[in-house]
N, C-alpha and C. Protein backbone atom coordinates (compact mmCIF):
# COMPACT_ATOMS: atom_id res chain seq x y z
N MET A 1 2.70 15.62 -5.14
CA MET A 1 2.99 15.48 -4.05
C MET A 1 1.96 15.50 -3.46
N ASN A 2 0.72 14.55 -3.13
CA ASN A 2 0.00 14.81 -1.56
C ASN A 2 -0.08 14.90 -0.71
N ILE A 3 0.54 15.87 0.52
CA ILE A 3 0.72 16.08 1.87
C ILE A 3 -0.13 16.25 2.88
N TYR A 4 -0.57 15.47 3.57
CA TYR A 4 -1.31 15.53 4.66
C TYR A 4 -0.93 16.07 6.70
N PHE A 5 -1.32 16.74 6.72
CA PHE A 5 -0.89 16.54 8.42
C PHE A 5 -2.22 15.85 9.34
N ILE A 6 -1.99 15.05 10.11
CA ILE A 6 -2.34 14.17 10.47
C ILE A 6 -2.72 14.35 12.56
N LYS A 7 -3.31 15.33 12.82
CA LYS A 7 -3.35 15.36 14.20
C LYS A 7 -3.19 14.38 15.10
N ASP A 8 -3.14 15.07 16.42
CA ASP A 8 -3.62 14.11 17.22
C ASP A 8 -4.39 13.65 17.55
N SER A 9 -4.39 11.66 17.49
CA SER A 9 -5.77 11.43 17.83
C SER A 9 -5.72 10.52 18.50
N ASN A 10 -6.61 10.33 19.05
CA ASN A 10 -6.63 8.98 20.17
C ASN A 10 -5.17 8.39 21.29
N GLY A 11 -4.38 9.13 21.47
CA GLY A 11 -2.95 8.72 22.05
C GLY A 11 -2.20 9.19 21.40
N LEU A 12 -2.25 9.14 19.54
CA LEU A 12 -1.85 9.10 18.47
C LEU A 12 -1.01 10.18 18.31
N SER A 13 0.99 10.41 18.44
CA SER A 13 1.40 11.60 17.93
C SER A 13 1.08 12.43 17.10
N ASN A 14 1.07 13.79 16.05
CA ASN A 14 0.76 14.11 14.89
C ASN A 14 1.66 13.30 14.13
N TYR A 15 1.45 12.85 12.73
CA TYR A 15 2.26 12.59 11.87
C TYR A 15 1.47 13.43 10.56
N TYR A 16 3.06 12.94 9.28
CA TYR A 16 2.58 13.90 7.70
C TYR A 16 2.52 11.92 7.53
N VAL A 17 1.78 12.83 6.19
CA VAL A 17 1.88 11.55 5.14
C VAL A 17 2.10 11.90 3.70
N GLY A 18 2.84 11.50 3.36
CA GLY A 18 2.88 12.02 1.79
C GLY A 18 2.83 10.78 0.73
N ILE A 19 1.70 10.88 -0.10
CA ILE A 19 1.80 10.30 -1.25
C ILE A 19 1.87 10.56 -2.91
N ASN A 20 2.18 9.42 -3.71
CA ASN A 20 2.57 10.69 -4.77
C ASN A 20 3.39 9.70 -5.80
N GLN A 21 3.08 9.59 -6.97
CA GLN A 21 3.16 8.51 -7.91
C GLN A 21 4.39 9.83 -8.99
N ILE A 22 5.05 8.73 -9.40
CA ILE A 22 6.63 8.74 -10.25
C ILE A 22 6.60 8.23 -11.75
N GLU A 23 7.42 8.93 -12.69
CA GLU A 23 8.15 8.45 -13.22
C GLU A 23 8.87 7.76 -13.74
N ILE A 24 9.35 6.55 -14.22
CA ILE A 24 10.69 5.88 -13.76
C ILE A 24 10.66 5.22 -14.96
N ASP A 25 12.44 5.21 -15.51
CA ASP A 25 13.00 4.52 -16.65
C ASP A 25 12.65 2.79 -16.36
N PRO A 26 11.85 1.61 -17.12
CA PRO A 26 11.89 0.80 -16.39
C PRO A 26 13.58 0.64 -16.75
N ASN A 27 14.32 0.77 -17.66
CA ASN A 27 15.97 0.32 -17.93
C ASN A 27 16.65 0.57 -16.70
N LYS A 28 16.15 1.45 -15.90
CA LYS A 28 17.01 1.79 -15.14
C LYS A 28 16.81 1.84 -13.54
N VAL A 29 14.76 1.02 -13.12
CA VAL A 29 14.74 0.80 -12.35
C VAL A 29 14.41 -0.79 -12.16
N GLN A 30 14.24 -1.59 -10.69
CA GLN A 30 14.38 -2.79 -10.19
C GLN A 30 13.59 -2.87 -9.09
N ILE A 31 13.24 -3.52 -9.00
CA ILE A 31 11.96 -4.17 -7.55
C ILE A 31 13.03 -4.04 -7.02
N ASN A 32 14.14 -4.82 -6.37
CA ASN A 32 14.76 -4.73 -5.52
C ASN A 32 15.54 -3.54 -5.68
N GLU A 33 15.54 -2.56 -6.03
CA GLU A 33 15.79 -1.08 -5.83
C GLU A 33 14.88 -0.43 -4.58
N LEU A 34 14.12 -0.94 -5.26
CA LEU A 34 12.79 -0.32 -4.56
C LEU A 34 12.93 -0.72 -2.57
N VAL A 35 12.98 -1.60 -2.61
CA VAL A 35 13.22 -2.50 -1.05
C VAL A 35 14.28 -1.90 -0.55
N GLU A 36 15.58 -1.59 -1.26
CA GLU A 36 16.12 -1.10 -0.36
C GLU A 36 16.17 0.53 -0.35
N LEU A 37 15.64 1.18 -1.17
CA LEU A 37 15.86 2.72 -1.15
C LEU A 37 14.40 2.87 0.56
N ASN A 38 13.25 1.88 0.70
CA ASN A 38 12.91 1.68 1.93
C ASN A 38 13.76 1.78 3.36
N GLU A 39 14.20 1.12 3.14
CA GLU A 39 15.48 0.87 3.65
C GLU A 39 16.55 2.24 4.07
N ILE A 40 17.22 2.40 2.91
CA ILE A 40 17.63 3.71 3.44
C ILE A 40 17.38 5.07 4.12
N VAL A 41 15.61 4.73 3.26
CA VAL A 41 15.01 5.52 3.97
C VAL A 41 15.34 6.19 5.30
N HIS A 42 14.63 5.44 5.88
CA HIS A 42 13.80 4.37 7.42
C HIS A 42 15.71 5.01 8.04
N ILE A 43 16.60 4.56 7.58
CA ILE A 43 18.23 4.98 8.42
C ILE A 43 18.12 6.17 8.44
N HIS A 44 18.01 7.00 7.35
CA HIS A 44 18.68 8.20 7.49
C HIS A 44 17.55 9.03 7.41
N HIS A 45 16.22 8.90 8.04
CA HIS A 45 15.79 9.75 8.40
C HIS A 45 14.59 9.18 9.49
N LYS A 46 14.81 9.78 10.49
CA LYS A 46 14.42 9.20 11.69
C LYS A 46 13.03 9.03 12.12
N ASP A 47 12.37 8.20 12.14
CA ASP A 47 10.68 7.69 12.42
C ASP A 47 10.14 8.31 11.39
N THR A 48 10.90 7.78 10.23
CA THR A 48 10.17 8.17 8.76
C THR A 48 9.92 6.74 7.45
N VAL A 49 8.67 6.70 7.81
CA VAL A 49 8.13 5.19 6.68
C VAL A 49 8.43 5.58 5.02
N LEU A 50 9.00 4.70 4.77
CA LEU A 50 8.99 5.06 2.88
C LEU A 50 8.48 2.95 2.22
N GLN A 51 6.94 3.24 1.59
CA GLN A 51 6.90 1.98 1.05
C GLN A 51 6.08 2.11 -0.70
N PHE A 52 6.62 1.58 -1.77
CA PHE A 52 5.89 1.56 -2.34
C PHE A 52 5.00 0.87 -2.78
N PHE A 53 3.91 0.98 -4.08
CA PHE A 53 3.04 -0.10 -3.57
C PHE A 53 2.54 0.51 -5.24
N ASN A 54 1.68 -0.79 -5.58
CA ASN A 54 0.54 -1.07 -6.46
C ASN A 54 -0.74 -0.80 -6.59
N ASP A 55 -1.07 -0.32 -7.26
CA ASP A 55 -3.28 0.88 -6.72
C ASP A 55 -3.58 -0.08 -7.53
N ARG A 56 -3.41 -1.25 -8.04
CA ARG A 56 -4.57 -2.02 -8.70
C ARG A 56 -5.62 -1.91 -7.38
N TYR A 57 -5.63 -2.18 -6.33
CA TYR A 57 -6.63 -2.14 -5.59
C TYR A 57 -7.27 -1.22 -4.91
N VAL A 58 -6.44 -0.14 -4.85
CA VAL A 58 -6.60 1.62 -3.92
C VAL A 58 -7.50 2.43 -4.25
N LEU A 59 -8.15 2.30 -3.49
CA LEU A 59 -9.69 2.93 -4.22
C LEU A 59 -9.18 4.08 -4.40
N ASN A 60 -8.91 5.20 -3.37
CA ASN A 60 -8.34 6.76 -3.27
C ASN A 60 -7.42 6.68 -2.21
N PRO A 61 -6.62 8.11 -3.11
CA PRO A 61 -6.62 8.65 -1.38
C PRO A 61 -6.46 8.19 0.24
N GLU A 62 -7.32 8.83 0.42
CA GLU A 62 -8.58 8.37 1.75
C GLU A 62 -8.15 7.05 2.21
N HIS A 63 -8.39 5.65 1.17
CA HIS A 63 -8.19 3.95 1.53
C HIS A 63 -6.46 4.53 2.16
N ILE A 64 -5.43 4.87 1.30
CA ILE A 64 -4.32 5.06 2.05
C ILE A 64 -4.07 5.50 3.15
N LEU A 65 -4.79 6.64 3.48
CA LEU A 65 -4.77 7.46 5.02
C LEU A 65 -5.31 6.55 6.10
N HIS A 66 -6.57 5.49 5.34
CA HIS A 66 -7.26 5.55 6.72
C HIS A 66 -5.91 3.90 7.39
N ALA A 67 -5.05 3.65 5.78
CA ALA A 67 -4.49 1.85 5.71
C ALA A 67 -3.52 3.02 7.48
N CYS A 68 -2.76 4.48 6.91
CA CYS A 68 -1.62 5.15 7.72
C CYS A 68 -2.00 5.26 9.23
N TYR A 69 -3.17 5.30 9.24
CA TYR A 69 -3.84 5.56 10.71
C TYR A 69 -3.98 3.87 11.65
N PHE A 70 -4.15 3.05 11.06
CA PHE A 70 -4.09 2.07 11.79
C PHE A 70 -2.66 1.36 11.98
N VAL A 71 -1.87 1.76 11.06
CA VAL A 71 -0.83 1.45 11.33
C VAL A 71 0.10 2.64 12.19
N GLN A 72 -0.33 3.11 12.46
CA GLN A 72 -0.17 4.10 13.95
C GLN A 72 -0.06 3.91 15.13
N LYS A 73 -1.56 3.79 15.14
CA LYS A 73 -2.44 2.85 15.74
C LYS A 73 -1.80 1.40 16.59
N ALA A 74 -1.60 0.53 15.56
CA ALA A 74 -0.53 -0.63 15.89
C ALA A 74 -0.12 -0.59 16.59
N PHE A 75 1.24 0.09 16.12
CA PHE A 75 2.95 0.45 16.49
C PHE A 75 2.13 1.08 18.25
N TYR A 76 1.09 2.43 18.29
CA TYR A 76 1.81 2.98 19.12
C TYR A 76 1.18 1.38 20.90
N ALA A 77 0.30 0.87 20.47
CA ALA A 77 -0.21 0.23 21.44
C ALA A 77 0.32 -0.98 21.26
N SER A 78 1.91 -1.57 20.76
CA SER A 78 2.36 -2.54 20.36
C SER A 78 1.55 -3.77 19.94
N ASN A 79 0.76 -3.96 18.74
CA ASN A 79 -0.42 -4.72 18.05
C ASN A 79 -0.11 -4.51 16.63
N ASN A 80 0.81 -4.70 16.58
CA ASN A 80 1.58 -4.63 15.31
C ASN A 80 1.64 -6.27 14.95
N ILE A 81 1.51 -6.51 13.19
CA ILE A 81 1.51 -8.12 12.93
C ILE A 81 3.09 -7.94 12.40
N SER A 82 3.16 -7.28 12.08
CA SER A 82 5.01 -7.06 11.14
C SER A 82 6.16 -6.27 12.04
N LYS A 83 6.74 -6.54 12.41
CA LYS A 83 7.66 -5.55 12.93
C LYS A 83 8.30 -4.42 12.38
N LYS A 84 8.13 -4.35 10.99
CA LYS A 84 8.72 -3.06 9.99
C LYS A 84 7.22 -2.38 9.67
N LYS A 85 6.98 -1.00 9.82
CA LYS A 85 5.84 -0.53 9.54
C LYS A 85 5.37 -0.37 7.88
N ASN A 86 6.46 -0.57 6.88
CA ASN A 86 5.81 0.07 5.53
C ASN A 86 5.53 -1.75 5.54
N LEU A 87 5.90 -2.74 5.88
CA LEU A 87 5.12 -3.96 6.28
C LEU A 87 3.84 -3.96 6.15
N GLU A 88 3.67 -3.20 7.45
CA GLU A 88 2.49 -3.14 8.37
C GLU A 88 1.16 -2.48 7.48
N LEU A 89 1.90 -1.00 6.75
CA LEU A 89 0.94 -0.25 5.68
C LEU A 89 0.44 -1.72 4.63
N LEU A 90 1.35 -2.33 4.07
CA LEU A 90 1.31 -2.76 2.80
C LEU A 90 -0.36 -4.27 3.43
N LEU A 91 -0.24 -4.50 4.61
CA LEU A 91 -1.13 -5.17 5.63
C LEU A 91 -2.71 -4.64 5.56
N TYR A 92 -2.06 -2.91 5.77
CA TYR A 92 -3.27 -2.85 6.10
C TYR A 92 -4.16 -2.23 4.86
N LEU A 93 -3.17 -1.81 4.14
CA LEU A 93 -4.32 -1.41 2.80
C LEU A 93 -5.07 -2.89 1.92
N ALA A 94 -4.44 -4.08 2.21
CA ALA A 94 -5.13 -5.20 1.85
C ALA A 94 -5.83 -5.68 2.84
N ALA A 95 -6.17 -4.86 4.26
CA ALA A 95 -7.19 -5.73 4.86
C ALA A 95 -6.75 -6.59 5.37
N ASN A 96 -5.82 -7.39 5.16
CA ASN A 96 -5.32 -9.23 5.34
C ASN A 96 -4.23 -8.71 6.92
N ARG A 97 -3.80 -9.55 7.27
CA ARG A 97 -2.76 -10.59 7.87
C ARG A 97 -1.64 -10.76 7.49
N GLN A 98 -2.23 -11.46 6.73
CA GLN A 98 -1.24 -13.08 5.64
C GLN A 98 -0.07 -11.51 4.99
N ILE A 99 1.06 -11.84 5.05
CA ILE A 99 2.48 -11.18 4.38
C ILE A 99 2.22 -11.25 2.46
N LYS A 100 2.05 -12.79 3.10
CA LYS A 100 2.29 -12.76 1.44
C LYS A 100 1.61 -12.63 0.17
N LEU A 101 -0.16 -12.56 0.79
CA LEU A 101 -1.03 -12.61 0.26
C LEU A 101 -0.67 -10.57 -0.20
N SER A 102 0.04 -9.56 1.14
CA SER A 102 -0.55 -8.28 1.19
C SER A 102 0.91 -8.14 -0.31
N LEU A 103 1.94 -8.40 -0.14
CA LEU A 103 2.42 -8.10 -0.80
C LEU A 103 2.06 -8.48 -2.27
N ASP A 104 2.05 -10.16 -2.81
CA ASP A 104 1.31 -10.04 -3.28
C ASP A 104 0.11 -9.73 -4.31
N ARG A 105 -0.75 -8.52 -3.74
CA ARG A 105 -1.92 -7.62 -4.31
C ARG A 105 -1.88 -5.87 -4.37
N PHE A 106 -0.38 -6.18 -3.35
CA PHE A 106 -0.54 -4.45 -3.04
C PHE A 106 0.91 -3.87 -3.29
N GLY A 107 2.10 -5.43 -3.53
CA GLY A 107 3.42 -5.17 -3.91
C GLY A 107 3.58 -4.94 -5.56
N VAL A 108 4.77 -3.51 -5.84
CA VAL A 108 5.32 -3.42 -6.82
C VAL A 108 5.36 -4.37 -7.83
N LYS A 109 4.86 -4.43 -8.71
CA LYS A 109 5.00 -5.57 -10.10
C LYS A 109 5.63 -5.12 -11.36
N ASP A 110 6.78 -6.25 -11.84
CA ASP A 110 7.04 -6.26 -12.95
C ASP A 110 6.39 -5.04 -14.20
N TYR A 111 4.91 -5.51 -13.83
CA TYR A 111 4.53 -4.81 -15.39
C TYR A 111 4.35 -3.16 -14.27
N ASN A 112 4.58 -2.96 -13.33
CA ASN A 112 4.01 -1.30 -12.84
C ASN A 112 5.06 -0.84 -13.37
N LEU A 113 6.46 -1.10 -13.27
CA LEU A 113 7.58 -0.52 -13.74
C LEU A 113 7.66 -0.47 -15.46
N THR A 114 6.85 -1.61 -16.11
CA THR A 114 7.26 -1.76 -17.72
C THR A 114 5.97 -0.41 -18.05
N ASN A 115 4.67 -0.01 -17.41
CA ASN A 115 4.62 1.00 -17.62
C ASN A 115 4.77 2.39 -17.24
N LYS A 116 6.60 1.93 -16.15
CA LYS A 116 6.95 3.30 -16.54
C LYS A 116 6.40 4.61 -15.03
N LYS A 117 5.13 3.39 -14.25
CA LYS A 117 4.55 4.76 -13.26
C LYS A 117 4.48 4.25 -11.83
N ILE A 118 5.31 3.92 -10.79
CA ILE A 118 4.59 3.58 -9.59
C ILE A 118 4.36 4.24 -8.47
N ASN A 119 4.35 3.90 -7.61
CA ASN A 119 3.29 4.78 -6.56
C ASN A 119 3.86 4.47 -5.09
N PHE A 120 4.01 5.62 -4.11
CA PHE A 120 4.65 4.98 -2.76
C PHE A 120 4.18 6.18 -2.27
N CYS A 121 4.02 6.09 -0.37
CA CYS A 121 3.45 6.43 0.61
C CYS A 121 4.64 6.97 1.58
N ILE A 122 4.57 7.97 2.63
CA ILE A 122 5.56 8.42 3.05
C ILE A 122 4.84 8.64 4.52
N ILE A 123 5.35 7.97 5.75
CA ILE A 123 5.05 8.14 6.82
C ILE A 123 6.11 9.02 7.68
N SER A 124 5.99 10.49 8.55
CA SER A 124 6.88 10.73 9.35
C SER A 124 6.67 11.57 10.61
N SER A 125 7.01 11.51 11.38
CA SER A 125 6.58 12.47 12.46
C SER A 125 7.48 14.06 12.82
N GLU A 126 7.68 13.98 11.47
CA GLU A 126 8.35 14.83 10.65
C GLU A 126 8.50 15.89 9.71
N GLU A 127 8.98 16.94 9.59
CA GLU A 127 8.12 17.70 8.34
C GLU A 127 9.26 17.51 7.23
N ASN A 128 9.40 16.69 7.08
CA ASN A 128 10.87 16.54 5.97
C ASN A 128 10.50 15.72 3.94
N LEU A 129 8.94 15.28 4.21
CA LEU A 129 8.66 14.60 3.27
C LEU A 129 9.17 15.20 1.99
N LYS A 130 9.01 16.85 1.76
CA LYS A 130 9.22 17.13 0.24
C LYS A 130 11.21 16.89 -0.09
N GLN A 131 11.94 16.93 1.27
CA GLN A 131 13.30 16.46 1.03
C GLN A 131 12.91 14.73 0.97
N VAL A 132 12.65 14.17 1.34
CA VAL A 132 12.56 12.32 1.25
C VAL A 132 12.02 12.45 -0.01
N ASN A 133 11.71 12.85 -0.92
CA ASN A 133 10.41 13.10 -2.14
C ASN A 133 12.03 12.92 -3.25
N ILE A 134 12.40 14.16 -3.45
CA ILE A 134 13.60 14.58 -3.48
C ILE A 134 14.61 13.25 -4.03
N GLU A 135 14.86 13.19 -2.67
CA GLU A 135 16.10 12.24 -2.42
C GLU A 135 15.66 10.72 -3.67
N ILE A 136 14.53 10.07 -2.91
CA ILE A 136 13.89 9.23 -4.19
C ILE A 136 13.83 9.47 -5.23
N ASN A 137 13.36 10.53 -5.66
CA ASN A 137 13.68 10.84 -7.20
C ASN A 137 14.95 11.32 -7.36
N ARG A 138 16.10 11.76 -6.71
CA ARG A 138 17.87 11.59 -7.31
C ARG A 138 17.94 9.84 -7.31
N TYR A 139 17.52 9.00 -6.80
CA TYR A 139 18.43 7.51 -6.36
C TYR A 139 17.47 7.51 -7.15
N LEU A 140 16.50 7.38 -7.94
CA LEU A 140 15.58 6.78 -8.74
C LEU A 140 15.98 7.04 -10.35
N HIS A 141 15.83 8.36 -10.23
CA HIS A 141 16.81 9.44 -11.60
C HIS A 141 14.92 9.37 -12.08
N SER A 142 13.76 9.48 -11.07
CA SER A 142 12.60 9.73 -11.26
C SER A 142 12.18 10.92 -11.48
N LYS A 143 10.77 11.23 -11.62
CA LYS A 143 9.81 12.77 -11.58
C LYS A 143 8.52 12.50 -11.70
N ASP A 144 8.05 13.18 -10.74
CA ASP A 144 6.86 13.41 -10.28
C ASP A 144 6.26 13.60 -11.31
N ILE A 145 5.07 12.61 -11.67
CA ILE A 145 3.80 12.90 -12.12
C ILE A 145 2.24 13.22 -11.36
N SER A 146 1.24 13.44 -12.02
CA SER A 146 0.20 13.99 -11.95
C SER A 146 -1.07 12.50 -10.66
N LEU A 147 -0.85 12.97 -9.40
CA LEU A 147 -1.51 11.68 -8.15
C LEU A 147 -2.78 11.38 -9.26
N ASP A 148 -3.58 10.10 -9.10
CA ASP A 148 -5.05 9.88 -9.60
C ASP A 148 -5.46 8.99 -9.89
N LEU A 149 -4.83 8.91 -7.98
CA LEU A 149 -5.77 7.38 -7.51
C LEU A 149 -6.95 8.13 -7.46
N GLY A 150 -7.49 9.94 -7.27
CA GLY A 150 -8.65 9.41 -7.17
C GLY A 150 -9.56 9.39 -8.18
N LYS A 151 -9.57 8.76 -9.23
CA LYS A 151 -10.01 9.10 -10.10
C LYS A 151 -11.43 7.73 -9.98
N LEU A 152 -12.27 8.09 -11.10
CA LEU A 152 -12.93 7.24 -10.49
C LEU A 152 -13.70 6.47 -11.94
N SER A 153 -13.69 4.73 -11.61
CA SER A 153 -14.72 4.30 -12.67
C SER A 153 -15.51 2.99 -11.91
N PHE A 154 -16.47 2.82 -12.96
CA PHE A 154 -17.45 2.00 -12.45
C PHE A 154 -16.64 -0.02 -12.52
N ASP A 155 -15.34 -0.10 -13.44
CA ASP A 155 -14.39 -0.62 -13.23
C ASP A 155 -13.61 -0.95 -12.08
N LYS A 156 -13.05 0.27 -11.70
CA LYS A 156 -12.14 0.23 -10.66
C LYS A 156 -13.53 -0.49 -9.24
N PHE A 157 -14.64 0.18 -9.16
CA PHE A 157 -15.48 0.11 -7.97
C PHE A 157 -15.48 -1.31 -8.34
N ASP A 158 -15.46 -2.19 -9.54
CA ASP A 158 -16.26 -3.37 -9.10
C ASP A 158 -14.95 -4.23 -8.71
N ARG A 159 -13.46 -3.66 -9.69
CA ARG A 159 -12.65 -4.39 -9.46
C ARG A 159 -11.90 -4.59 -8.21
N ILE A 160 -11.84 -3.67 -7.45
CA ILE A 160 -12.35 -3.48 -5.69
C ILE A 160 -13.05 -3.96 -4.38
N LYS A 161 -14.11 -3.93 -4.97
CA LYS A 161 -15.06 -4.69 -4.60
C LYS A 161 -15.13 -6.13 -4.38
N LYS A 162 -14.72 -6.25 -5.30
CA LYS A 162 -14.57 -7.81 -5.83
C LYS A 162 -14.15 -8.74 -5.10
N TYR A 163 -12.47 -7.49 -4.56
CA TYR A 163 -11.03 -8.13 -4.08
C TYR A 163 -11.41 -8.20 -2.44
N PHE A 164 -12.04 -7.01 -2.45
CA PHE A 164 -12.73 -7.51 -0.66
C PHE A 164 -13.65 -8.51 -0.55
N GLU A 165 -14.50 -8.74 -1.66
CA GLU A 165 -16.11 -9.69 -1.26
C GLU A 165 -16.77 -9.12 -0.86
N PHE A 166 -16.92 -8.08 -0.59
CA PHE A 166 -18.15 -6.93 -0.86
C PHE A 166 -19.36 -7.48 -1.59
N SER A 167 -20.46 -7.26 -1.01
CA SER A 167 -20.98 -8.03 -1.71
C SER A 167 -22.36 -7.12 -1.75
N ASP A 168 -23.66 -7.00 -2.68
CA ASP A 168 -24.26 -5.47 -3.36
C ASP A 168 -25.17 -5.29 -2.38
N ASP A 169 -25.00 -6.50 -1.48
CA ASP A 169 -26.50 -6.25 -0.07
C ASP A 169 -25.44 -5.34 1.21
N GLN A 170 -23.86 -5.74 0.93
CA GLN A 170 -23.04 -5.10 2.52
C GLN A 170 -23.61 -3.17 1.38
N ILE A 171 -23.18 -3.22 0.47
CA ILE A 171 -22.78 -1.75 -0.74
C ILE A 171 -24.48 -0.67 -0.02
N LEU A 172 -25.49 -2.17 -0.40
CA LEU A 172 -26.72 -1.19 -0.19
C LEU A 172 -27.23 -0.92 1.47
N THR A 173 -26.85 -1.68 2.00
CA THR A 173 -27.15 -1.72 3.38
C THR A 173 -26.43 0.44 3.90
N VAL A 174 -24.96 0.34 3.12
CA VAL A 174 -24.00 1.34 3.25
C VAL A 174 -25.10 2.59 3.03
N LEU A 175 -25.16 2.42 2.23
CA LEU A 175 -26.02 3.36 0.54
C LEU A 175 -27.19 3.64 1.90
N SER A 176 -28.29 2.79 2.60
CA SER A 176 -29.49 3.03 2.82
C SER A 176 -29.20 4.11 4.39
N SER A 177 -27.84 3.57 5.09
CA SER A 177 -27.25 4.62 6.03
C SER A 177 -26.61 6.18 5.67
N TYR A 178 -27.13 6.53 4.68
CA TYR A 178 -26.51 7.82 4.04
C TYR A 178 -28.45 8.37 3.60
N GLY A 179 -29.58 7.14 3.44
CA GLY A 179 -30.65 7.85 3.42
C GLY A 179 -31.48 7.51 1.96
N TYR A 180 -30.02 6.53 1.16
CA TYR A 180 -30.46 6.13 -0.37
C TYR A 180 -31.30 4.97 0.16
N LYS A 181 -32.37 4.71 -0.82
CA LYS A 181 -33.73 3.00 -0.79
C LYS A 181 -33.37 2.83 -2.50
N ASN A 182 -32.73 1.82 -2.55
CA ASN A 182 -32.17 1.65 -3.55
C ASN A 182 -31.93 -0.21 -3.17
N ASP A 183 -32.35 -0.44 -4.49
CA ASP A 183 -32.52 -2.57 -4.43
C ASP A 183 -31.41 -2.86 -5.94
N LYS A 184 -30.97 -4.30 -5.48
CA LYS A 184 -29.70 -4.53 -6.55
C LYS A 184 -29.97 -4.06 -8.13
N LYS A 185 -30.72 -4.37 -8.40
CA LYS A 185 -31.36 -3.32 -9.76
C LYS A 185 -30.91 -2.17 -10.17
N GLU A 186 -30.85 -1.20 -9.17
CA GLU A 186 -31.20 -0.05 -9.59
C GLU A 186 -29.22 0.44 -8.80
N ILE A 187 -27.73 -0.79 -8.22
CA ILE A 187 -27.50 -0.60 -8.16
C ILE A 187 -25.90 0.46 -8.65
N ASN A 188 -26.00 0.08 -10.20
CA ASN A 188 -25.20 0.22 -10.54
C ASN A 188 -25.21 1.88 -11.76
N PRO A 189 -26.62 2.62 -11.97
CA PRO A 189 -26.62 4.27 -12.10
C PRO A 189 -26.77 4.60 -11.18
N LEU A 190 -26.41 4.22 -9.76
CA LEU A 190 -26.39 4.95 -8.42
C LEU A 190 -25.04 6.37 -8.91
N ASN A 191 -25.37 7.58 -8.37
CA ASN A 191 -24.19 8.62 -8.04
C ASN A 191 -23.30 7.13 -8.37
N LEU A 192 -21.68 7.29 -9.18
CA LEU A 192 -20.82 7.19 -8.57
C LEU A 192 -19.84 7.51 -7.13
N GLU A 193 -19.84 8.75 -6.59
CA GLU A 193 -19.30 9.33 -6.10
C GLU A 193 -19.79 8.63 -4.68
N ARG A 194 -20.93 7.84 -4.09
CA ARG A 194 -21.52 7.72 -3.29
C ARG A 194 -21.18 6.52 -3.08
N LEU A 195 -21.08 5.61 -4.27
CA LEU A 195 -20.52 4.08 -4.74
C LEU A 195 -19.37 3.97 -3.95
N TYR A 196 -18.66 5.05 -4.28
CA TYR A 196 -17.36 5.02 -3.47
C TYR A 196 -17.18 5.19 -2.17
N GLU A 197 -18.19 6.11 -1.46
CA GLU A 197 -17.93 6.21 -0.05
C GLU A 197 -18.76 5.23 0.66
N ALA A 198 -19.26 4.25 0.38
CA ALA A 198 -19.68 3.43 0.58
C ALA A 198 -19.09 2.04 1.01
N LEU A 199 -18.38 1.74 -0.47
CA LEU A 199 -17.39 1.31 -0.62
C LEU A 199 -16.15 1.66 0.42
N ASN A 200 -15.50 2.95 0.42
CA ASN A 200 -14.93 3.57 1.65
C ASN A 200 -14.58 3.77 2.74
N ASP A 201 -16.12 2.86 3.03
CA ASP A 201 -16.30 3.32 5.10
C ASP A 201 -16.34 0.97 4.98
N LEU A 202 -16.66 0.42 4.24
CA LEU A 202 -16.29 -0.67 4.13
C LEU A 202 -14.84 -1.18 3.97
N ILE A 203 -14.19 -0.80 3.26
CA ILE A 203 -12.79 -1.16 3.63
C ILE A 203 -12.26 -0.75 5.41
N CYS A 204 -12.60 0.67 5.23
CA CYS A 204 -12.14 1.35 6.66
C CYS A 204 -12.51 -0.28 7.58
N GLU A 205 -13.67 0.08 7.68
CA GLU A 205 -14.38 -1.78 8.53
C GLU A 205 -13.42 -2.15 8.70
N LYS A 206 -13.44 -2.76 7.61
CA LYS A 206 -12.23 -4.57 7.17
C LYS A 206 -11.08 -4.23 7.84
N MET A 207 -10.78 -3.12 8.32
CA MET A 207 -8.79 -2.14 8.42
C MET A 207 -9.43 -2.72 10.07
N ALA A 208 -10.08 -1.76 10.44
CA ALA A 208 -10.49 -1.91 11.81
C ALA A 208 -10.75 -2.90 12.61
N LEU A 209 -11.83 -4.01 12.16
CA LEU A 209 -11.98 -5.29 12.22
C LEU A 209 -9.99 -5.89 12.22
N LEU A 210 -9.82 -6.22 11.53
CA LEU A 210 -7.93 -6.40 11.81
C LEU A 210 -7.38 -5.87 12.70
N SER A 211 -7.82 -4.52 13.47
CA SER A 211 -6.76 -4.20 14.23
C SER A 211 -7.45 -4.72 15.29
N LEU A 212 -8.60 -5.63 15.81
CA LEU A 212 -9.03 -5.89 16.81
C LEU A 212 -8.53 -7.71 17.05
N GLU A 213 -8.06 -8.21 15.68
CA GLU A 213 -7.65 -9.58 15.88
C GLU A 213 -6.50 -9.99 16.42
N LYS A 214 -5.82 -10.90 17.36
CA LYS A 214 -5.34 -11.17 18.29
C LYS A 214 -4.55 -11.88 17.59
N SER A 215 -2.94 -11.44 17.61
CA SER A 215 -1.47 -12.10 16.83
C SER A 215 -1.72 -13.69 16.99
């Protein structure tokens, strides 16, 4: 599990974020159990939020960390869309205020269970992420596996770019701000890390706009 400590920023309290991938037995885990476990962790651990998610449209760990920040900010400012932080996290991952759409795109699906790999994020004001992780694995009879959310590929880039409906012009505008001068014909051969940085910036901007929308 990757653990991050986020220091006080813009009036927010310090908090921890844990991102993990686990291997499960699809014969022993059902989606309703994951929903139940979200509630169990929330009840037994003060100010701790657990959410399982589908990583199909998750760009990288930074995508998740940005979403966590906006979740914390929304509840701090009482500008949250959902009454529950774990659902709010999916809304910000999707950068969309529609709960149904966010669940459809970022909620765990049956094929995630069939593939034996699921992802989760923990947000907590306490330094208890390792303990919560142990409890999750015990509850699901699962085990940690290597986190691969940071892997780069053009297929993943194109899939996520299409989901968020970003155009080549938007990508190229961000790249231009980095000092790169390219046209549409040259966008694919560009350094993939730079393309990911541009897409990451645009996703974060979309989250920021969501946070400013009025309920």
